[in-house]
Amino acid sequence: MQKVIELIQTHTYDFFIPLTALALLRLGLCLAQLKKTASIREKKGVYHAVRGHYTEIGVWLGVLPACVLGLALPKLWYAWLALGVVAAIILGKAGQRKGTELDGIYREVAWELKHEAEAEAAREAAEADGKDAPETDPHFYMTKAHLFHALQVEKSKR
């Protein structure tokens, strides 16, 4: 164990410079991918999940300050390593929450756009046939459905 610690102390820059470069590269790639996903969503109206990208951005944002501090103060590399792990976990979870929230919003918008397009197509088809346009229910909304097996449900005592 002592040899490993001595190796890290003598080669601190050899470890932290590539890790810092990797963090910057991955942050740039994730941001570029989010931009590309947004342009696809605007052009084609296609929904792509973004939760993974936000999670990865959070992790690398947690690792990056620890890497920079490891380069600035190499004698305390063990403290920066611990800080990087903790920050990566915390910011990764925050990014995951943000991504999940945005996925829900994008999913609902895509669902509404799809049903609006279907309703418009049904109205146009009805007008072409000379019939009255079908009424759509404005109070119709998507909700979660939970299915249970018969053994999971107790009978009511009424």
C-alpha atoms as a PDB file:
ATOM      1  CA  MET A   1       0.000   0.000   0.000  1.00  0.00           C
ATOM      2  CA  GLN A   2       2.879   2.325   0.811  1.00  0.00           C
ATOM      3  CA  LYS A   3       4.342   1.785  -2.678  1.00  0.00           C
ATOM      4  CA  VAL A   4       1.026   2.812  -4.250  1.00  0.00           C
ATOM      5  CA  ILE A   5       0.899   6.002  -2.175  1.00  0.00           C
ATOM      6  CA  GLU A   6       4.525   6.812  -3.085  1.00  0.00           C
ATOM      7  CA  LEU A   7       3.763   6.182  -6.766  1.00  0.00           C
ATOM      8  CA  ILE A   8       0.801   8.555  -6.696  1.00  0.00           C
ATOM      9  CA  GLN A   9       2.779  11.212  -4.814  1.00  0.00           C
ATOM     10  CA  THR A  10       5.657  11.091  -7.297  1.00  0.00           C
ATOM     11  CA  HIS A  11       3.403  11.002 -10.373  1.00  0.00           C
ATOM     12  CA  THR A  12       0.535  13.261  -9.269  1.00  0.00           C
ATOM     13  CA  TYR A  13       0.598  15.329 -12.449  1.00  0.00           C
ATOM     14  CA  ASP A  14       0.664  12.159 -14.566  1.00  0.00           C
ATOM     15  CA  PHE A  15      -2.679  11.190 -13.041  1.00  0.00           C
ATOM     16  CA  PHE A  16      -4.479  14.512 -12.671  1.00  0.00           C
ATOM     17  CA  ILE A  17      -3.639  16.113 -16.056  1.00  0.00           C
ATOM     18  CA  PRO A  18      -5.255  13.328 -18.148  1.00  0.00           C
ATOM     19  CA  LEU A  19      -8.186  13.115 -15.736  1.00  0.00           C
ATOM     20  CA  THR A  20      -8.763  16.878 -16.006  1.00  0.00           C
ATOM     21  CA  ALA A  21      -8.580  16.685 -19.799  1.00  0.00           C
ATOM     22  CA  LEU A  22     -11.017  13.762 -19.798  1.00  0.00           C
ATOM     23  CA  ALA A  23     -13.473  15.681 -17.590  1.00  0.00           C
ATOM     24  CA  LEU A  24     -13.357  18.711 -19.896  1.00  0.00           C
ATOM     25  CA  LEU A  25     -13.752  16.519 -22.985  1.00  0.00           C
ATOM     26  CA  ARG A  26     -16.730  14.616 -21.596  1.00  0.00           C
ATOM     27  CA  LEU A  27     -18.428  17.834 -20.435  1.00  0.00           C
ATOM     28  CA  GLY A  28     -18.025  19.301 -23.903  1.00  0.00           C
ATOM     29  CA  LEU A  29     -19.339  16.154 -25.583  1.00  0.00           C
ATOM     30  CA  CYS A  30     -22.362  15.931 -23.284  1.00  0.00           C
ATOM     31  CA  LEU A  31     -23.255  19.580 -23.863  1.00  0.00           C
ATOM     32  CA  ALA A  32     -22.867  19.112 -27.622  1.00  0.00           C
ATOM     33  CA  GLN A  33     -25.100  16.035 -27.499  1.00  0.00           C
ATOM     34  CA  LEU A  34     -27.762  17.946 -25.553  1.00  0.00           C
ATOM     35  CA  LYS A  35     -27.634  20.718 -28.159  1.00  0.00           C
ATOM     36  CA  LYS A  36     -27.975  18.167 -30.975  1.00  0.00           C
ATOM     37  CA  THR A  37     -30.889  16.489 -29.179  1.00  0.00           C
ATOM     38  CA  ALA A  38     -32.636  19.846 -28.773  1.00  0.00           C
ATOM     39  CA  SER A  39     -32.238  20.646 -32.475  1.00  0.00           C
ATOM     40  CA  ILE A  40     -33.623  17.228 -33.449  1.00  0.00           C
ATOM     41  CA  ARG A  41     -36.551  17.742 -31.078  1.00  0.00           C
ATOM     42  CA  GLU A  42     -37.309  21.157 -32.598  1.00  0.00           C
ATOM     43  CA  LYS A  43     -36.930  20.063 -36.233  1.00  0.00           C
ATOM     44  CA  LYS A  44     -38.599  16.665 -36.196  1.00  0.00           C
ATOM     45  CA  GLY A  45     -40.640  16.758 -32.998  1.00  0.00           C
ATOM     46  CA  VAL A  46     -38.934  13.543 -31.885  1.00  0.00           C
ATOM     47  CA  TYR A  47     -38.392  12.930 -28.181  1.00  0.00           C
ATOM     48  CA  HIS A  48     -35.024  11.623 -26.957  1.00  0.00           C
ATOM     49  CA  ALA A  49     -34.249  10.982 -23.290  1.00  0.00           C
ATOM     50  CA  VAL A  50     -31.755  13.387 -21.708  1.00  0.00           C
ATOM     51  CA  ARG A  51     -31.485  11.929 -18.203  1.00  0.00           C
ATOM     52  CA  GLY A  52     -28.230  10.113 -18.907  1.00  0.00           C
ATOM     53  CA  HIS A  53     -26.589  13.222 -20.304  1.00  0.00           C
ATOM     54  CA  TYR A  54     -27.506  15.318 -17.275  1.00  0.00           C
ATOM     55  CA  THR A  55     -26.302  12.574 -14.929  1.00  0.00           C
ATOM     56  CA  GLU A  56     -22.948  12.435 -16.693  1.00  0.00           C
ATOM     57  CA  ILE A  57     -22.632  16.220 -16.687  1.00  0.00           C
ATOM     58  CA  GLY A  58     -23.243  16.217 -12.936  1.00  0.00           C
ATOM     59  CA  VAL A  59     -20.608  13.546 -12.340  1.00  0.00           C
ATOM     60  CA  TRP A  60     -17.945  15.312 -14.401  1.00  0.00           C
ATOM     61  CA  LEU A  61     -18.782  18.663 -12.808  1.00  0.00           C
ATOM     62  CA  GLY A  62     -18.092  17.004  -9.473  1.00  0.00           C
ATOM     63  CA  VAL A  63     -14.790  15.501 -10.619  1.00  0.00           C
ATOM     64  CA  LEU A  64     -13.443  18.588 -12.417  1.00  0.00           C
ATOM     65  CA  PRO A  65     -12.842  20.885  -9.387  1.00  0.00           C
ATOM     66  CA  ALA A  66     -11.082  18.068  -7.545  1.00  0.00           C
ATOM     67  CA  CYS A  67      -8.801  17.525 -10.548  1.00  0.00           C
ATOM     68  CA  VAL A  68      -7.972  21.217 -10.814  1.00  0.00           C
ATOM     69  CA  LEU A  69      -7.266  21.402  -7.089  1.00  0.00           C
ATOM     70  CA  GLY A  70      -5.138  18.261  -7.399  1.00  0.00           C
ATOM     71  CA  LEU A  71      -3.057  20.058 -10.025  1.00  0.00           C
ATOM     72  CA  ALA A  72      -2.848  23.262  -7.972  1.00  0.00           C
ATOM     73  CA  LEU A  73      -1.999  21.584  -4.670  1.00  0.00           C
ATOM     74  CA  PRO A  74      -0.552  18.141  -5.457  1.00  0.00           C
ATOM     75  CA  LYS A  75       0.584  17.409  -1.885  1.00  0.00           C
ATOM     76  CA  LEU A  76      -3.069  17.077  -0.800  1.00  0.00           C
ATOM     77  CA  TRP A  77      -4.093  14.721  -3.626  1.00  0.00           C
ATOM     78  CA  TYR A  78      -5.850  12.324  -1.245  1.00  0.00           C
ATOM     79  CA  ALA A  79      -8.165  15.099   0.013  1.00  0.00           C
ATOM     80  CA  TRP A  80      -8.995  16.162  -3.552  1.00  0.00           C
ATOM     81  CA  LEU A  81      -9.624  12.554  -4.527  1.00  0.00           C
ATOM     82  CA  ALA A  82     -12.127  12.141  -1.687  1.00  0.00           C
ATOM     83  CA  LEU A  83     -13.707  15.506  -2.515  1.00  0.00           C
ATOM     84  CA  GLY A  84     -14.032  14.479  -6.173  1.00  0.00           C
ATOM     85  CA  VAL A  85     -15.790  11.222  -5.325  1.00  0.00           C
ATOM     86  CA  VAL A  86     -18.256  12.875  -2.944  1.00  0.00           C
ATOM     87  CA  ALA A  87     -18.941  15.776  -5.309  1.00  0.00           C
ATOM     88  CA  ALA A  88     -19.389  13.387  -8.254  1.00  0.00           C
ATOM     89  CA  ILE A  89     -21.986  11.383  -6.334  1.00  0.00           C
ATOM     90  CA  ILE A  90     -23.898  14.444  -5.133  1.00  0.00           C
ATOM     91  CA  LEU A  91     -23.844  16.313  -8.446  1.00  0.00           C
ATOM     92  CA  GLY A  92     -24.539  13.106 -10.387  1.00  0.00           C
ATOM     93  CA  LYS A  93     -27.726  12.581  -8.368  1.00  0.00           C
ATOM     94  CA  ALA A  94     -28.715  16.227  -8.883  1.00  0.00           C
ATOM     95  CA  GLY A  95     -28.135  15.858 -12.631  1.00  0.00           C
ATOM     96  CA  GLN A  96     -30.175  12.673 -12.648  1.00  0.00           C
ATOM     97  CA  ARG A  97     -33.088  14.459 -10.951  1.00  0.00           C
ATOM     98  CA  LYS A  98     -32.869  17.334 -13.447  1.00  0.00           C
ATOM     99  CA  GLY A  99     -32.761  14.907 -16.377  1.00  0.00           C
ATOM    100  CA  THR A 100     -35.716  12.914 -15.066  1.00  0.00           C
ATOM    101  CA  GLU A 101     -37.710  16.122 -14.623  1.00  0.00           C
ATOM    102  CA  LEU A 102     -36.927  17.272 -18.168  1.00  0.00           C
ATOM    103  CA  ASP A 103     -37.699  13.830 -19.581  1.00  0.00           C
ATOM    104  CA  GLY A 104     -41.145  14.006 -17.989  1.00  0.00           C
ATOM    105  CA  ILE A 105     -41.786  17.438 -19.450  1.00  0.00           C
ATOM    106  CA  TYR A 106     -40.570  16.455 -22.922  1.00  0.00           C
ATOM    107  CA  ARG A 107     -42.554  13.210 -22.816  1.00  0.00           C
ATOM    108  CA  GLU A 108     -45.781  15.046 -21.938  1.00  0.00           C
ATOM    109  CA  VAL A 109     -45.226  17.644 -24.673  1.00  0.00           C
ATOM    110  CA  ALA A 110     -44.498  14.941 -27.252  1.00  0.00           C
ATOM    111  CA  TRP A 111     -47.587  13.029 -26.157  1.00  0.00           C
ATOM    112  CA  GLU A 112     -49.784  16.140 -26.448  1.00  0.00           C
ATOM    113  CA  LEU A 113     -48.373  17.009 -29.875  1.00  0.00           C
ATOM    114  CA  LYS A 114     -48.985  13.466 -31.093  1.00  0.00           C
ATOM    115  CA  HIS A 115     -52.607  13.489 -29.962  1.00  0.00           C
ATOM    116  CA  GLU A 116     -53.205  16.973 -31.353  1.00  0.00           C
ATOM    117  CA  ALA A 117     -51.881  15.780 -34.722  1.00  0.00           C
ATOM    118  CA  GLU A 118     -54.111  12.683 -34.585  1.00  0.00           C
ATOM    119  CA  ALA A 119     -57.156  14.799 -33.723  1.00  0.00           C
ATOM    120  CA  GLU A 120     -56.371  17.214 -36.552  1.00  0.00           C
ATOM    121  CA  ALA A 121     -56.026  14.307 -39.002  1.00  0.00           C
ATOM    122  CA  ALA A 122     -59.372  12.887 -37.817  1.00  0.00           C
ATOM    123  CA  ARG A 123     -61.057  16.298 -38.287  1.00  0.00           C
ATOM    124  CA  GLU A 124     -59.627  16.668 -41.784  1.00  0.00           C
ATOM    125  CA  ALA A 125     -60.717  13.129 -42.717  1.00  0.00           C
ATOM    126  CA  ALA A 126     -64.234  13.824 -41.416  1.00  0.00           C
ATOM    127  CA  GLU A 127     -64.430  17.096 -43.333  1.00  0.00           C
ATOM    128  CA  ALA A 128     -63.275  15.340 -46.510  1.00  0.00           C
ATOM    129  CA  ASP A 129     -66.082  12.762 -46.087  1.00  0.00           C
ATOM    130  CA  GLY A 130     -68.598  15.530 -45.405  1.00  0.00           C
ATOM    131  CA  LYS A 131     -69.275  14.404 -41.839  1.00  0.00           C
ATOM    132  CA  ASP A 132     -69.177  16.407 -38.627  1.00  0.00           C
ATOM    133  CA  ALA A 133     -65.768  16.527 -37.024  1.00  0.00           C
ATOM    134  CA  PRO A 134     -65.410  14.232 -33.992  1.00  0.00           C
ATOM    135  CA  GLU A 135     -65.264  16.020 -30.676  1.00  0.00           C
ATOM    136  CA  THR A 136     -62.123  15.586 -28.643  1.00  0.00           C
ATOM    137  CA  ASP A 137     -62.218  15.586 -24.872  1.00  0.00           C
ATOM    138  CA  PRO A 138     -60.098  18.525 -23.597  1.00  0.00           C
ATOM    139  CA  HIS A 139     -59.981  16.929 -20.144  1.00  0.00           C
ATOM    140  CA  PHE A 140     -58.242  13.787 -21.329  1.00  0.00           C
ATOM    141  CA  TYR A 141     -54.762  13.438 -19.824  1.00  0.00           C
ATOM    142  CA  MET A 142     -52.082  10.827 -19.423  1.00  0.00           C
ATOM    143  CA  THR A 143     -51.705   9.223 -16.004  1.00  0.00           C
ATOM    144  CA  LYS A 144     -49.829   6.282 -14.562  1.00  0.00           C
ATOM    145  CA  ALA A 145     -51.652   2.969 -14.383  1.00  0.00           C
ATOM    146  CA  HIS A 146     -50.777   0.365 -11.780  1.00  0.00           C
ATOM    147  CA  LEU A 147     -51.596  -3.257 -12.500  1.00  0.00           C
ATOM    148  CA  PHE A 148     -51.803  -5.722  -9.645  1.00  0.00           C
ATOM    149  CA  HIS A 149     -51.966  -9.481  -9.550  1.00  0.00           C
ATOM    150  CA  ALA A 150     -55.006 -10.942  -7.790  1.00  0.00           C
ATOM    151  CA  LEU A 151     -52.842 -12.160  -4.898  1.00  0.00           C
ATOM    152  CA  GLN A 152     -51.531  -8.629  -4.285  1.00  0.00           C
ATOM    153  CA  VAL A 153     -54.969  -7.145  -3.669  1.00  0.00           C
ATOM    154  CA  GLU A 154     -57.002  -7.775  -0.503  1.00  0.00           C
ATOM    155  CA  LYS A 155     -60.761  -8.042  -0.697  1.00  0.00           C
ATOM    156  CA  SER A 156     -62.644  -5.164   0.864  1.00  0.00           C
ATOM    157  CA  LYS A 157     -64.503  -5.905   4.087  1.00  0.00           C
ATOM    158  CA  ARG A 158     -67.755  -4.262   2.932  1.00  0.00           C
END
